Amino acid sequence: MGSLSNVVAVVSAAFMLSACSDPIVSGTYVAARSGGVELLELTQSRSGEIVGSLRSIELSGVGEISTLMANVTGVIDEERLTLVI
């Protein structure tokens, strides 16, 4: 499954949003592309700890569906977002 680069893109989008003046990253982030979609759901506590989930669905050229589901943890410290998938 070639979705690792897409996961990085979704996480990068979350990082860019956290770089705003108010670093709150709680929310749902979606990345769509030809043949697949990723969904990243994050919840941030008041102390900056982050928990969530990552779901990826990919359709291969021969019509097979692959799925990935993973837990996400992390922390936001001032302007840095660190996620572990």
PDB file of N, CA and C in Angstrom:
ATOM      1  N   MET A   1       0.853  -1.174   0.000  1.00  0.00           N
ATOM      2  CA  MET A   1       0.000   0.000   0.000  1.00  0.00           C
ATOM      3  C   MET A   1       0.894   1.229   0.000  1.00  0.00           C
ATOM      4  N   GLY A   2       0.736   2.088  -0.980  1.00  0.00           N
ATOM      5  CA  GLY A   2       1.593   3.250  -1.123  1.00  0.00           C
ATOM      6  C   GLY A   2       1.060   4.477  -0.437  1.00  0.00           C
ATOM      7  N   SER A   3       0.398   4.327   0.701  1.00  0.00           N
ATOM      8  CA  SER A   3      -0.261   5.477   1.318  1.00  0.00           C
ATOM      9  C   SER A   3       0.612   6.194   2.341  1.00  0.00           C
ATOM     10  N   LEU A   4       1.831   5.740   2.580  1.00  0.00           N
ATOM     11  CA  LEU A   4       2.677   6.412   3.566  1.00  0.00           C
ATOM     12  C   LEU A   4       2.913   7.861   3.192  1.00  0.00           C
ATOM     13  N   SER A   5       3.141   8.143   1.924  1.00  0.00           N
ATOM     14  CA  SER A   5       3.335   9.533   1.511  1.00  0.00           C
ATOM     15  C   SER A   5       2.061  10.340   1.714  1.00  0.00           C
ATOM     16  N   ASN A   6       0.922   9.709   1.572  1.00  0.00           N
ATOM     17  CA  ASN A   6      -0.341  10.403   1.801  1.00  0.00           C
ATOM     18  C   ASN A   6      -0.556  10.678   3.280  1.00  0.00           C
ATOM     19  N   VAL A   7      -0.140   9.743   4.129  1.00  0.00           N
ATOM     20  CA  VAL A   7      -0.221   9.955   5.567  1.00  0.00           C
ATOM     21  C   VAL A   7       0.638  11.152   5.949  1.00  0.00           C
ATOM     22  N   VAL A   8       1.833  11.215   5.367  1.00  0.00           N
ATOM     23  CA  VAL A   8       2.721  12.347   5.628  1.00  0.00           C
ATOM     24  C   VAL A   8       2.057  13.645   5.186  1.00  0.00           C
ATOM     25  N   ALA A   9       1.357  13.615   4.056  1.00  0.00           N
ATOM     26  CA  ALA A   9       0.679  14.815   3.570  1.00  0.00           C
ATOM     27  C   ALA A   9      -0.418  15.254   4.526  1.00  0.00           C
ATOM     28  N   VAL A  10      -1.184  14.296   5.057  1.00  0.00           N
ATOM     29  CA  VAL A  10      -2.243  14.630   6.008  1.00  0.00           C
ATOM     30  C   VAL A  10      -1.645  15.198   7.285  1.00  0.00           C
ATOM     31  N   VAL A  11      -0.602  14.561   7.788  1.00  0.00           N
ATOM     32  CA  VAL A  11       0.049  15.046   9.008  1.00  0.00           C
ATOM     33  C   VAL A  11       0.667  16.408   8.762  1.00  0.00           C
ATOM     34  N   SER A  12       1.240  16.624   7.576  1.00  0.00           N
ATOM     35  CA  SER A  12       1.806  17.928   7.248  1.00  0.00           C
ATOM     36  C   SER A  12       0.725  19.002   7.242  1.00  0.00           C
ATOM     37  N   ALA A  13      -0.448  18.662   6.743  1.00  0.00           N
ATOM     38  CA  ALA A  13      -1.553  19.618   6.754  1.00  0.00           C
ATOM     39  C   ALA A  13      -1.936  19.967   8.181  1.00  0.00           C
ATOM     40  N   ALA A  14      -1.978  18.968   9.046  1.00  0.00           N
ATOM     41  CA  ALA A  14      -2.286  19.227  10.448  1.00  0.00           C
ATOM     42  C   ALA A  14      -1.223  20.116  11.069  1.00  0.00           C
ATOM     43  N   PHE A  15       0.038  19.880  10.705  1.00  0.00           N
ATOM     44  CA  PHE A  15       1.128  20.693  11.228  1.00  0.00           C
ATOM     45  C   PHE A  15       1.004  22.142  10.778  1.00  0.00           C
ATOM     46  N   MET A  16       0.686  22.344   9.508  1.00  0.00           N
ATOM     47  CA  MET A  16       0.559  23.716   9.002  1.00  0.00           C
ATOM     48  C   MET A  16      -0.578  24.444   9.717  1.00  0.00           C
ATOM     49  N   LEU A  17      -1.657  23.752   9.992  1.00  0.00           N
ATOM     50  CA  LEU A  17      -2.757  24.386  10.698  1.00  0.00           C
ATOM     51  C   LEU A  17      -2.372  24.726  12.136  1.00  0.00           C
ATOM     52  N   SER A  18      -1.524  23.885  12.732  1.00  0.00           N
ATOM     53  CA  SER A  18      -1.124  24.153  14.113  1.00  0.00           C
ATOM     54  C   SER A  18      -0.162  25.326  14.216  1.00  0.00           C
ATOM     55  N   ALA A  19       0.438  25.726  13.103  1.00  0.00           N
ATOM     56  CA  ALA A  19       1.386  26.833  13.120  1.00  0.00           C
ATOM     57  C   ALA A  19       0.689  28.189  13.170  1.00  0.00           C
ATOM     58  N   CYS A  20      -0.632  28.184  13.113  1.00  0.00           N
ATOM     59  CA  CYS A  20      -1.381  29.433  13.226  1.00  0.00           C
ATOM     60  C   CYS A  20      -1.202  30.012  14.616  1.00  0.00           C
ATOM     61  N   SER A  21      -1.711  31.191  14.839  1.00  0.00           N
ATOM     62  CA  SER A  21      -1.500  31.863  16.112  1.00  0.00           C
ATOM     63  C   SER A  21      -2.095  31.109  17.285  1.00  0.00           C
ATOM     64  N   ASP A  22      -3.146  30.351  17.091  1.00  0.00           N
ATOM     65  CA  ASP A  22      -3.771  29.582  18.160  1.00  0.00           C
ATOM     66  C   ASP A  22      -3.553  28.103  17.869  1.00  0.00           C
ATOM     67  N   PRO A  23      -2.542  27.481  18.493  1.00  0.00           N
ATOM     68  CA  PRO A  23      -2.173  26.114  18.113  1.00  0.00           C
ATOM     69  C   PRO A  23      -3.121  25.046  18.668  1.00  0.00           C
ATOM     70  N   ILE A  24      -4.323  24.988  18.130  1.00  0.00           N
ATOM     71  CA  ILE A  24      -5.270  23.943  18.490  1.00  0.00           C
ATOM     72  C   ILE A  24      -5.450  23.075  17.261  1.00  0.00           C
ATOM     73  N   VAL A  25      -5.146  21.784  17.392  1.00  0.00           N
ATOM     74  CA  VAL A  25      -5.190  20.901  16.234  1.00  0.00           C
ATOM     75  C   VAL A  25      -6.362  19.929  16.272  1.00  0.00           C
ATOM     76  N   SER A  26      -7.214  20.008  17.285  1.00  0.00           N
ATOM     77  CA  SER A  26      -8.365  19.112  17.341  1.00  0.00           C
ATOM     78  C   SER A  26      -9.198  19.284  16.081  1.00  0.00           C
ATOM     79  N   GLY A  27      -9.582  18.166  15.503  1.00  0.00           N
ATOM     80  CA  GLY A  27     -10.409  18.233  14.310  1.00  0.00           C
ATOM     81  C   GLY A  27     -10.247  17.015  13.439  1.00  0.00           C
ATOM     82  N   THR A  28     -10.872  17.089  12.284  1.00  0.00           N
ATOM     83  CA  THR A  28     -10.832  16.010  11.307  1.00  0.00           C
ATOM     84  C   THR A  28     -10.171  16.530  10.042  1.00  0.00           C
ATOM     85  N   TYR A  29      -9.181  15.797   9.572  1.00  0.00           N
ATOM     86  CA  TYR A  29      -8.423  16.170   8.379  1.00  0.00           C
ATOM     87  C   TYR A  29      -8.595  15.067   7.344  1.00  0.00           C
ATOM     88  N   VAL A  30      -8.902  15.438   6.122  1.00  0.00           N
ATOM     89  CA  VAL A  30      -9.159  14.473   5.048  1.00  0.00           C
ATOM     90  C   VAL A  30      -8.254  14.786   3.869  1.00  0.00           C
ATOM     91  N   ALA A  31      -7.655  13.742   3.305  1.00  0.00           N
ATOM     92  CA  ALA A  31      -6.869  13.869   2.081  1.00  0.00           C
ATOM     93  C   ALA A  31      -7.447  12.888   1.064  1.00  0.00           C
ATOM     94  N   ALA A  32      -7.837  13.382  -0.084  1.00  0.00           N
ATOM     95  CA  ALA A  32      -8.393  12.529  -1.133  1.00  0.00           C
ATOM     96  C   ALA A  32      -7.493  12.578  -2.351  1.00  0.00           C
ATOM     97  N   ARG A  33      -7.412  11.471  -3.033  1.00  0.00           N
ATOM     98  CA  ARG A  33      -6.603  11.378  -4.248  1.00  0.00           C
ATOM     99  C   ARG A  33      -7.224  10.313  -5.134  1.00  0.00           C
ATOM    100  N   SER A  34      -6.731  10.201  -6.320  1.00  0.00           N
ATOM    101  CA  SER A  34      -7.215   9.166  -7.226  1.00  0.00           C
ATOM    102  C   SER A  34      -6.885   7.798  -6.629  1.00  0.00           C
ATOM    103  N   GLY A  35      -7.892   7.028  -6.326  1.00  0.00           N
ATOM    104  CA  GLY A  35      -7.669   5.682  -5.807  1.00  0.00           C
ATOM    105  C   GLY A  35      -7.560   5.571  -4.309  1.00  0.00           C
ATOM    106  N   GLY A  36      -7.756   6.648  -3.555  1.00  0.00           N
ATOM    107  CA  GLY A  36      -7.643   6.499  -2.108  1.00  0.00           C
ATOM    108  C   GLY A  36      -8.058   7.725  -1.337  1.00  0.00           C
ATOM    109  N   VAL A  37      -8.212   7.515  -0.041  1.00  0.00           N
ATOM    110  CA  VAL A  37      -8.585   8.598   0.862  1.00  0.00           C
ATOM    111  C   VAL A  37      -7.996   8.311   2.242  1.00  0.00           C
ATOM    112  N   GLU A  38      -7.601   9.361   2.945  1.00  0.00           N
ATOM    113  CA  GLU A  38      -7.108   9.252   4.312  1.00  0.00           C
ATOM    114  C   GLU A  38      -7.940  10.154   5.205  1.00  0.00           C
ATOM    115  N   LEU A  39      -8.194   9.686   6.424  1.00  0.00           N
ATOM    116  CA  LEU A  39      -8.941  10.445   7.414  1.00  0.00           C
ATOM    117  C   LEU A  39      -8.135  10.448   8.705  1.00  0.00           C
ATOM    118  N   LEU A  40      -7.790  11.628   9.187  1.00  0.00           N
ATOM    119  CA  LEU A  40      -7.034  11.790  10.423  1.00  0.00           C
ATOM    120  C   LEU A  40      -7.906  12.564  11.399  1.00  0.00           C
ATOM    121  N   GLU A  41      -8.240  11.947  12.532  1.00  0.00           N
ATOM    122  CA  GLU A  41      -9.048  12.599  13.563  1.00  0.00           C
ATOM    123  C   GLU A  41      -8.169  12.819  14.786  1.00  0.00           C
ATOM    124  N   LEU A  42      -8.100  14.056  15.256  1.00  0.00           N
ATOM    125  CA  LEU A  42      -7.255  14.411  16.387  1.00  0.00           C
ATOM    126  C   LEU A  42      -8.059  15.133  17.455  1.00  0.00           C
ATOM    127  N   THR A  43      -7.752  14.814  18.709  1.00  0.00           N
ATOM    128  CA  THR A  43      -8.329  15.522  19.848  1.00  0.00           C
ATOM    129  C   THR A  43      -7.180  15.977  20.731  1.00  0.00           C
ATOM    130  N   GLN A  44      -7.148  17.257  21.042  1.00  0.00           N
ATOM    131  CA  GLN A  44      -6.078  17.847  21.845  1.00  0.00           C
ATOM    132  C   GLN A  44      -6.617  18.194  23.221  1.00  0.00           C
ATOM    133  N   SER A  45      -5.901  17.785  24.265  1.00  0.00           N
ATOM    134  CA  SER A  45      -6.275  18.141  25.633  1.00  0.00           C
ATOM    135  C   SER A  45      -5.753  19.539  25.961  1.00  0.00           C
ATOM    136  N   ARG A  46      -6.183  20.072  27.072  1.00  0.00           N
ATOM    137  CA  ARG A  46      -5.711  21.403  27.489  1.00  0.00           C
ATOM    138  C   ARG A  46      -4.209  21.443  27.727  1.00  0.00           C
ATOM    139  N   SER A  47      -3.627  20.294  28.105  1.00  0.00           N
ATOM    140  CA  SER A  47      -2.184  20.247  28.364  1.00  0.00           C
ATOM    141  C   SER A  47      -1.360  20.061  27.090  1.00  0.00           C
ATOM    142  N   GLY A  48      -2.027  19.920  25.942  1.00  0.00           N
ATOM    143  CA  GLY A  48      -1.313  19.795  24.677  1.00  0.00           C
ATOM    144  C   GLY A  48      -1.149  18.369  24.190  1.00  0.00           C
ATOM    145  N   GLU A  49      -1.598  17.386  24.976  1.00  0.00           N
ATOM    146  CA  GLU A  49      -1.509  15.997  24.531  1.00  0.00           C
ATOM    147  C   GLU A  49      -2.554  15.737  23.454  1.00  0.00           C
ATOM    148  N   ILE A  50      -2.190  14.904  22.483  1.00  0.00           N
ATOM    149  CA  ILE A  50      -3.056  14.631  21.346  1.00  0.00           C
ATOM    150  C   ILE A  50      -3.283  13.129  21.243  1.00  0.00           C
ATOM    151  N   VAL A  51      -4.533  12.744  21.016  1.00  0.00           N
ATOM    152  CA  VAL A  51      -4.887  11.360  20.723  1.00  0.00           C
ATOM    153  C   VAL A  51      -5.800  11.372  19.505  1.00  0.00           C
ATOM    154  N   GLY A  52      -5.801  10.272  18.784  1.00  0.00           N
ATOM    155  CA  GLY A  52      -6.678  10.209  17.627  1.00  0.00           C
ATOM    156  C   GLY A  52      -6.510   8.932  16.855  1.00  0.00           C
ATOM    157  N   SER A  53      -6.997   8.969  15.630  1.00  0.00           N
ATOM    158  CA  SER A  53      -6.918   7.783  14.780  1.00  0.00           C
ATOM    159  C   SER A  53      -6.672   8.202  13.338  1.00  0.00           C
ATOM    160  N   LEU A  54      -6.075   7.286  12.612  1.00  0.00           N
ATOM    161  CA  LEU A  54      -5.797   7.467  11.191  1.00  0.00           C
ATOM    162  C   LEU A  54      -6.427   6.299  10.456  1.00  0.00           C
ATOM    163  N   ARG A  55      -7.192   6.603   9.419  1.00  0.00           N
ATOM    164  CA  ARG A  55      -7.793   5.576   8.569  1.00  0.00           C
ATOM    165  C   ARG A  55      -7.426   5.877   7.123  1.00  0.00           C
ATOM    166  N   SER A  56      -7.035   4.835   6.412  1.00  0.00           N
ATOM    167  CA  SER A  56      -6.673   4.975   5.012  1.00  0.00           C
ATOM    168  C   SER A  56      -7.355   3.866   4.227  1.00  0.00           C
ATOM    169  N   ILE A  57      -7.950   4.233   3.108  1.00  0.00           N
ATOM    170  CA  ILE A  57      -8.566   3.258   2.209  1.00  0.00           C
ATOM    171  C   ILE A  57      -8.000   3.507   0.817  1.00  0.00           C
ATOM    172  N   GLU A  58      -7.538   2.426   0.188  1.00  0.00           N
ATOM    173  CA  GLU A  58      -6.925   2.543  -1.131  1.00  0.00           C
ATOM    174  C   GLU A  58      -7.519   1.497  -2.059  1.00  0.00           C
ATOM    175  N   LEU A  59      -7.814   1.910  -3.281  1.00  0.00           N
ATOM    176  CA  LEU A  59      -8.322   1.022  -4.316  1.00  0.00           C
ATOM    177  C   LEU A  59      -7.204   0.783  -5.321  1.00  0.00           C
ATOM    178  N   SER A  60      -6.816  -0.479  -5.494  1.00  0.00           N
ATOM    179  CA  SER A  60      -5.728  -0.794  -6.428  1.00  0.00           C
ATOM    180  C   SER A  60      -6.240  -0.768  -7.866  1.00  0.00           C
ATOM    181  N   GLY A  61      -5.320  -0.847  -8.788  1.00  0.00           N
ATOM    182  CA  GLY A  61      -5.663  -0.846 -10.202  1.00  0.00           C
ATOM    183  C   GLY A  61      -6.482  -2.050 -10.631  1.00  0.00           C
ATOM    184  N   VAL A  62      -6.422  -3.130  -9.855  1.00  0.00           N
ATOM    185  CA  VAL A  62      -7.188  -4.333 -10.191  1.00  0.00           C
ATOM    186  C   VAL A  62      -8.478  -4.435  -9.373  1.00  0.00           C
ATOM    187  N   GLY A  63      -8.817  -3.371  -8.652  1.00  0.00           N
ATOM    188  CA  GLY A  63     -10.081  -3.328  -7.920  1.00  0.00           C
ATOM    189  C   GLY A  63     -10.048  -3.860  -6.500  1.00  0.00           C
ATOM    190  N   GLU A  64      -8.866  -4.133  -5.960  1.00  0.00           N
ATOM    191  CA  GLU A  64      -8.760  -4.599  -4.576  1.00  0.00           C
ATOM    192  C   GLU A  64      -8.722  -3.415  -3.629  1.00  0.00           C
ATOM    193  N   ILE A  65      -9.396  -3.562  -2.506  1.00  0.00           N
ATOM    194  CA  ILE A  65      -9.445  -2.504  -1.502  1.00  0.00           C
ATOM    195  C   ILE A  65      -8.517  -2.856  -0.344  1.00  0.00           C
ATOM    196  N   SER A  66      -7.649  -1.921   0.023  1.00  0.00           N
ATOM    197  CA  SER A  66      -6.757  -2.077   1.174  1.00  0.00           C
ATOM    198  C   SER A  66      -7.122  -1.027   2.207  1.00  0.00           C
ATOM    199  N   THR A  67      -7.093  -1.422   3.464  1.00  0.00           N
ATOM    200  CA  THR A  67      -7.400  -0.471   4.530  1.00  0.00           C
ATOM    201  C   THR A  67      -6.281  -0.465   5.558  1.00  0.00           C
ATOM    202  N   LEU A  68      -6.115   0.666   6.179  1.00  0.00           N
ATOM    203  CA  LEU A  68      -5.159   0.838   7.258  1.00  0.00           C
ATOM    204  C   LEU A  68      -5.866   1.613   8.361  1.00  0.00           C
ATOM    205  N   MET A  69      -5.785   1.109   9.571  1.00  0.00           N
ATOM    206  CA  MET A  69      -6.322   1.828  10.725  1.00  0.00           C
ATOM    207  C   MET A  69      -5.230   1.836  11.792  1.00  0.00           C
ATOM    208  N   ALA A  70      -4.943   3.025  12.331  1.00  0.00           N
ATOM    209  CA  ALA A  70      -3.886   3.141  13.330  1.00  0.00           C
ATOM    210  C   ALA A  70      -4.251   4.193  14.362  1.00  0.00           C
ATOM    211  N   ASN A  71      -3.809   3.963  15.591  1.00  0.00           N
ATOM    212  CA  ASN A  71      -3.959   4.964  16.635  1.00  0.00           C
ATOM    213  C   ASN A  71      -2.871   6.009  16.479  1.00  0.00           C
ATOM    214  N   VAL A  72      -3.188   7.222  16.878  1.00  0.00           N
ATOM    215  CA  VAL A  72      -2.251   8.334  16.796  1.00  0.00           C
ATOM    216  C   VAL A  72      -2.147   8.954  18.184  1.00  0.00           C
ATOM    217  N   THR A  73      -0.932   9.209  18.617  1.00  0.00           N
ATOM    218  CA  THR A  73      -0.694   9.957  19.850  1.00  0.00           C
ATOM    219  C   THR A  73       0.297  11.058  19.533  1.00  0.00           C
ATOM    220  N   GLY A  74       0.334  12.050  20.376  1.00  0.00           N
ATOM    221  CA  GLY A  74       1.282  13.122  20.140  1.00  0.00           C
ATOM    222  C   GLY A  74       1.175  14.223  21.163  1.00  0.00           C
ATOM    223  N   VAL A  75       1.875  15.283  20.886  1.00  0.00           N
ATOM    224  CA  VAL A  75       1.898  16.441  21.776  1.00  0.00           C
ATOM    225  C   VAL A  75       2.172  17.679  20.943  1.00  0.00           C
ATOM    226  N   ILE A  76       1.608  18.781  21.390  1.00  0.00           N
ATOM    227  CA  ILE A  76       1.932  20.065  20.776  1.00  0.00           C
ATOM    228  C   ILE A  76       2.610  20.909  21.849  1.00  0.00           C
ATOM    229  N   ASP A  77       3.770  21.437  21.504  1.00  0.00           N
ATOM    230  CA  ASP A  77       4.567  22.225  22.433  1.00  0.00           C
ATOM    231  C   ASP A  77       4.893  23.541  21.743  1.00  0.00           C
ATOM    232  N   GLU A  78       4.189  24.578  22.133  1.00  0.00           N
ATOM    233  CA  GLU A  78       4.290  25.884  21.496  1.00  0.00           C
ATOM    234  C   GLU A  78       3.977  25.760  20.012  1.00  0.00           C
ATOM    235  N   GLU A  79       4.967  25.808  19.135  1.00  0.00           N
ATOM    236  CA  GLU A  79       4.721  25.762  17.705  1.00  0.00           C
ATOM    237  C   GLU A  79       5.107  24.437  17.061  1.00  0.00           C
ATOM    238  N   ARG A  80       5.426  23.420  17.868  1.00  0.00           N
ATOM    239  CA  ARG A  80       5.824  22.125  17.311  1.00  0.00           C
ATOM    240  C   ARG A  80       4.755  21.075  17.563  1.00  0.00           C
ATOM    241  N   LEU A  81       4.404  20.364  16.529  1.00  0.00           N
ATOM    242  CA  LEU A  81       3.455  19.269  16.617  1.00  0.00           C
ATOM    243  C   LEU A  81       4.215  17.976  16.348  1.00  0.00           C
ATOM    244  N   THR A  82       4.123  17.033  17.273  1.00  0.00           N
ATOM    245  CA  THR A  82       4.754  15.738  17.108  1.00  0.00           C
ATOM    246  C   THR A  82       3.683  14.669  17.188  1.00  0.00           C
ATOM    247  N   LEU A  83       3.566  13.859  16.146  1.00  0.00           N
ATOM    248  CA  LEU A  83       2.595  12.776  16.115  1.00  0.00           C
ATOM    249  C   LEU A  83       3.321  11.444  15.947  1.00  0.00           C
ATOM    250  N   VAL A  84       2.830  10.432  16.651  1.00  0.00           N
ATOM    251  CA  VAL A  84       3.354   9.068  16.518  1.00  0.00           C
ATOM    252  C   VAL A  84       2.203   8.206  16.002  1.00  0.00           C
ATOM    253  N   ILE A  85       2.448   7.570  14.862  1.00  0.00           N
ATOM    254  CA  ILE A  85       1.416   6.740  14.233  1.00  0.00           C
ATOM    255  C   ILE A  85       1.818   5.281  14.386  1.00  0.00           C
TER     256      ILE A  85
END
